[in-house]
Each structure stands twice: as C-alpha cells, then as structure tokens.
Amino acid sequence: MEPPAKTDTREATGTPNKTWVIVVYVLYLIGFFTAITALVGVIMAYLKRQEATPVEQSHLQFQIRTFWIGLLMIVVGSILTAIVIGGLVLLFWFVWTLVRCIKGLMRINEGRGIDEPTSWLFG
C-alpha cells in the first residue's frame, strides 16, 4: 500500500503560501525590541528558500540581505559611536530596515516580488 501523496497547497489553490514570508518581516520588525527574533527570522528565510515560489524567493533573498547588511551597519555604527557619526549610521540602519520591511510586506500582500532583491538600498 502506497503512502498518501503529499498535496502542495500552492498547487491546489494556485496562490503562493506567503504566510512565512510575512512572519519573517514581522520578526525583523519585532527585532528592533528583541534582537533574537531577527536571528530567528533569518534562519527561517534560509530554511524556506529552497521550497519557495520565485516571488517568495525574491523576498527571502531580500530578507537575508536585510539581515546581513543591517548587522554590518550595526557593527560599524557601534564602533563609530566613539566619534559621534555612529549615531547617524545607527539611525540610517533603523530607517533603512523599517523601509525594507514595510516595502516587502506591501509587495508580498499584493503577490509581487522584490524587483531588485540584491540591492543595498530599498530593492
């Protein structure tokens, strides 16, 4: 007797399962208050990347880059706080991350991918 075949909800409904893409964006936003959630979000993005649709993959790549570029900005900004400019770098990181997450949430809710997921700015 054969095991029951797996059904992919994306194939059955014709729409991508975007819930976990949204969850990663939300985890990043919560990460402003508890940094560990951003780490959980990037791990989820890495794990879900292979089974994602092309639209979801663009968001996941965008999210992964948001995490690593943001971490770089935090490190550089923290080091530069000794010469005052670090505060500006950290402020830029905050606004940059906020814009990327909001833009990503808006586009995934519309069923659209990120145009330039490898962008250093806002995709």
C-alpha atoms as a PDB file:
ATOM      1  CA  MET A   1       0.000   0.000   0.000  1.00  0.00           C
ATOM      2  CA  GLU A   2       1.400   3.378  -1.029  1.00  0.00           C
ATOM      3  CA  PRO A   3       1.565   6.292   1.415  1.00  0.00           C
ATOM      4  CA  PRO A   4      -0.849   9.108   0.637  1.00  0.00           C
ATOM      5  CA  ALA A   5       0.564  11.649  -1.784  1.00  0.00           C
ATOM      6  CA  LYS A   6       1.594  14.992  -0.364  1.00  0.00           C
ATOM      7  CA  THR A   7      -0.505  17.870  -1.564  1.00  0.00           C
ATOM      8  CA  ASP A   8       1.048  21.249  -2.028  1.00  0.00           C
ATOM      9  CA  THR A   9      -1.408  23.979  -1.071  1.00  0.00           C
ATOM     10  CA  ARG A  10       0.211  26.288  -3.602  1.00  0.00           C
ATOM     11  CA  GLU A  11      -0.678  23.928  -6.445  1.00  0.00           C
ATOM     12  CA  ALA A  12      -4.186  23.272  -5.149  1.00  0.00           C
ATOM     13  CA  THR A  13      -5.139  26.916  -4.693  1.00  0.00           C
ATOM     14  CA  GLY A  14      -2.936  28.486  -7.347  1.00  0.00           C
ATOM     15  CA  THR A  15      -1.664  31.040  -4.822  1.00  0.00           C
ATOM     16  CA  PRO A  16       1.688  31.033  -3.027  1.00  0.00           C
ATOM     17  CA  ASN A  17       1.877  30.275   0.675  1.00  0.00           C
ATOM     18  CA  LYS A  18       3.201  33.667   1.735  1.00  0.00           C
ATOM     19  CA  THR A  19       2.486  33.389   5.462  1.00  0.00           C
ATOM     20  CA  TRP A  20       6.014  32.544   6.497  1.00  0.00           C
ATOM     21  CA  VAL A  21       7.431  35.340   4.324  1.00  0.00           C
ATOM     22  CA  ILE A  22       5.208  37.751   6.248  1.00  0.00           C
ATOM     23  CA  VAL A  23       6.302  36.144   9.539  1.00  0.00           C
ATOM     24  CA  VAL A  24       9.972  36.857   8.722  1.00  0.00           C
ATOM     25  CA  TYR A  25       9.217  40.543   8.056  1.00  0.00           C
ATOM     26  CA  VAL A  26       7.289  40.758  11.328  1.00  0.00           C
ATOM     27  CA  LEU A  27      10.140  39.044  13.204  1.00  0.00           C
ATOM     28  CA  TYR A  28      12.531  41.646  11.791  1.00  0.00           C
ATOM     29  CA  LEU A  29      10.272  44.468  12.975  1.00  0.00           C
ATOM     30  CA  ILE A  30       9.993  42.898  16.433  1.00  0.00           C
ATOM     31  CA  GLY A  31      13.786  42.605  16.284  1.00  0.00           C
ATOM     32  CA  PHE A  32      14.012  46.327  16.989  1.00  0.00           C
ATOM     33  CA  PHE A  33      12.965  45.441  20.540  1.00  0.00           C
ATOM     34  CA  THR A  34      14.334  41.894  20.912  1.00  0.00           C
ATOM     35  CA  ALA A  35      17.250  41.185  18.577  1.00  0.00           C
ATOM     36  CA  ILE A  36      16.851  37.416  18.849  1.00  0.00           C
ATOM     37  CA  THR A  37      13.708  37.486  16.696  1.00  0.00           C
ATOM     38  CA  ALA A  38      15.695  38.885  13.763  1.00  0.00           C
ATOM     39  CA  LEU A  39      18.076  35.934  14.094  1.00  0.00           C
ATOM     40  CA  VAL A  40      15.113  33.536  14.113  1.00  0.00           C
ATOM     41  CA  GLY A  41      13.772  35.327  11.026  1.00  0.00           C
ATOM     42  CA  VAL A  42      16.974  34.949   9.004  1.00  0.00           C
ATOM     43  CA  ILE A  43      17.201  31.264   9.942  1.00  0.00           C
ATOM     44  CA  MET A  44      13.616  30.778   8.735  1.00  0.00           C
ATOM     45  CA  ALA A  45      14.431  32.605   5.493  1.00  0.00           C
ATOM     46  CA  TYR A  46      17.402  30.323   4.848  1.00  0.00           C
ATOM     47  CA  LEU A  47      15.376  27.183   5.604  1.00  0.00           C
ATOM     48  CA  LYS A  48      12.377  28.120   3.433  1.00  0.00           C
ATOM     49  CA  ARG A  49      14.351  29.424   0.464  1.00  0.00           C
ATOM     50  CA  GLN A  50      14.554  26.116  -1.449  1.00  0.00           C
ATOM     51  CA  GLU A  51      10.833  25.316  -1.408  1.00  0.00           C
ATOM     52  CA  ALA A  52       9.627  28.818  -2.251  1.00  0.00           C
ATOM     53  CA  THR A  53       7.999  30.110  -5.404  1.00  0.00           C
ATOM     54  CA  PRO A  54      10.004  32.671  -7.441  1.00  0.00           C
ATOM     55  CA  VAL A  55       8.064  35.559  -5.845  1.00  0.00           C
ATOM     56  CA  GLU A  56       8.738  34.200  -2.367  1.00  0.00           C
ATOM     57  CA  GLN A  57      12.397  33.556  -3.236  1.00  0.00           C
ATOM     58  CA  SER A  58      12.869  37.213  -4.144  1.00  0.00           C
ATOM     59  CA  HIS A  59      11.506  38.192  -0.737  1.00  0.00           C
ATOM     60  CA  LEU A  60      13.619  35.624   1.087  1.00  0.00           C
ATOM     61  CA  GLN A  61      16.784  36.785  -0.649  1.00  0.00           C
ATOM     62  CA  PHE A  62      15.816  40.376   0.197  1.00  0.00           C
ATOM     63  CA  GLN A  63      15.223  39.391   3.838  1.00  0.00           C
ATOM     64  CA  ILE A  64      18.527  37.532   4.126  1.00  0.00           C
ATOM     65  CA  ARG A  65      20.403  40.515   2.714  1.00  0.00           C
ATOM     66  CA  THR A  66      18.465  42.856   5.015  1.00  0.00           C
ATOM     67  CA  PHE A  67      19.717  40.874   7.998  1.00  0.00           C
ATOM     68  CA  TRP A  68      23.396  40.711   6.984  1.00  0.00           C
ATOM     69  CA  ILE A  69      23.701  44.272   5.656  1.00  0.00           C
ATOM     70  CA  GLY A  70      21.834  45.510   8.734  1.00  0.00           C
ATOM     71  CA  LEU A  71      24.197  43.603  11.018  1.00  0.00           C
ATOM     72  CA  LEU A  72      27.140  45.202   9.209  1.00  0.00           C
ATOM     73  CA  MET A  73      25.590  48.658   9.726  1.00  0.00           C
ATOM     74  CA  ILE A  74      25.032  47.949  13.430  1.00  0.00           C
ATOM     75  CA  VAL A  75      28.651  46.865  13.922  1.00  0.00           C
ATOM     76  CA  VAL A  76      30.056  49.849  12.005  1.00  0.00           C
ATOM     77  CA  GLY A  77      27.654  52.257  13.718  1.00  0.00           C
ATOM     78  CA  SER A  78      28.509  50.895  17.150  1.00  0.00           C
ATOM     79  CA  ILE A  79      32.240  51.264  16.510  1.00  0.00           C
ATOM     80  CA  LEU A  80      31.778  54.791  15.162  1.00  0.00           C
ATOM     81  CA  THR A  81      29.743  55.988  18.151  1.00  0.00           C
ATOM     82  CA  ALA A  82      33.091  56.939  19.675  1.00  0.00           C
ATOM     83  CA  ILE A  83      33.346  59.707  17.061  1.00  0.00           C
ATOM     84  CA  VAL A  84      29.650  60.667  17.063  1.00  0.00           C
ATOM     85  CA  ILE A  85      28.913  59.717  13.435  1.00  0.00           C
ATOM     86  CA  GLY A  86      27.954  56.238  14.636  1.00  0.00           C
ATOM     87  CA  GLY A  87      24.633  57.589  15.871  1.00  0.00           C
ATOM     88  CA  LEU A  88      23.814  58.698  12.327  1.00  0.00           C
ATOM     89  CA  VAL A  89      24.783  55.274  10.957  1.00  0.00           C
ATOM     90  CA  LEU A  90      22.517  53.581  13.514  1.00  0.00           C
ATOM     91  CA  LEU A  91      19.671  55.975  12.710  1.00  0.00           C
ATOM     92  CA  PHE A  92      20.116  55.217   8.999  1.00  0.00           C
ATOM     93  CA  TRP A  93      20.061  51.457   9.789  1.00  0.00           C
ATOM     94  CA  PHE A  94      16.789  51.859  11.693  1.00  0.00           C
ATOM     95  CA  VAL A  95      15.056  53.786   8.884  1.00  0.00           C
ATOM     96  CA  TRP A  96      16.580  51.549   6.187  1.00  0.00           C
ATOM     97  CA  THR A  97      15.355  48.371   7.885  1.00  0.00           C
ATOM     98  CA  LEU A  98      11.923  49.838   8.541  1.00  0.00           C
ATOM     99  CA  VAL A  99      11.502  50.887   4.891  1.00  0.00           C
ATOM    100  CA  ARG A 100      12.682  47.497   3.578  1.00  0.00           C
ATOM    101  CA  CYS A 101      10.290  45.599   5.857  1.00  0.00           C
ATOM    102  CA  ILE A 102       7.299  47.815   5.078  1.00  0.00           C
ATOM    103  CA  LYS A 103       8.011  47.689   1.337  1.00  0.00           C
ATOM    104  CA  GLY A 104       8.389  43.916   1.496  1.00  0.00           C
ATOM    105  CA  LEU A 105       5.133  43.483   3.420  1.00  0.00           C
ATOM    106  CA  MET A 106       3.259  45.657   0.939  1.00  0.00           C
ATOM    107  CA  ARG A 107       4.641  43.786  -2.067  1.00  0.00           C
ATOM    108  CA  ILE A 108       4.049  40.278  -0.681  1.00  0.00           C
ATOM    109  CA  ASN A 109       0.474  41.220   0.221  1.00  0.00           C
ATOM    110  CA  GLU A 110      -0.004  42.247  -3.416  1.00  0.00           C
ATOM    111  CA  GLY A 111       1.539  38.945  -4.538  1.00  0.00           C
ATOM    112  CA  ARG A 112       4.519  40.748  -6.084  1.00  0.00           C
ATOM    113  CA  GLY A 113       8.197  40.005  -5.699  1.00  0.00           C
ATOM    114  CA  ILE A 114      11.045  42.358  -4.906  1.00  0.00           C
ATOM    115  CA  ASP A 115      12.334  43.934  -8.135  1.00  0.00           C
ATOM    116  CA  GLU A 116      15.994  44.023  -7.048  1.00  0.00           C
ATOM    117  CA  PRO A 117      16.423  41.633  -4.092  1.00  0.00           C
ATOM    118  CA  THR A 118      20.223  42.054  -4.149  1.00  0.00           C
ATOM    119  CA  SER A 119      20.019  45.843  -3.782  1.00  0.00           C
ATOM    120  CA  TRP A 120      21.895  47.536  -0.949  1.00  0.00           C
ATOM    121  CA  LEU A 121      19.157  50.156  -0.712  1.00  0.00           C
ATOM    122  CA  PHE A 122      15.416  49.516  -0.922  1.00  0.00           C
ATOM    123  CA  GLY A 123      15.081  46.857  -3.633  1.00  0.00           C
END
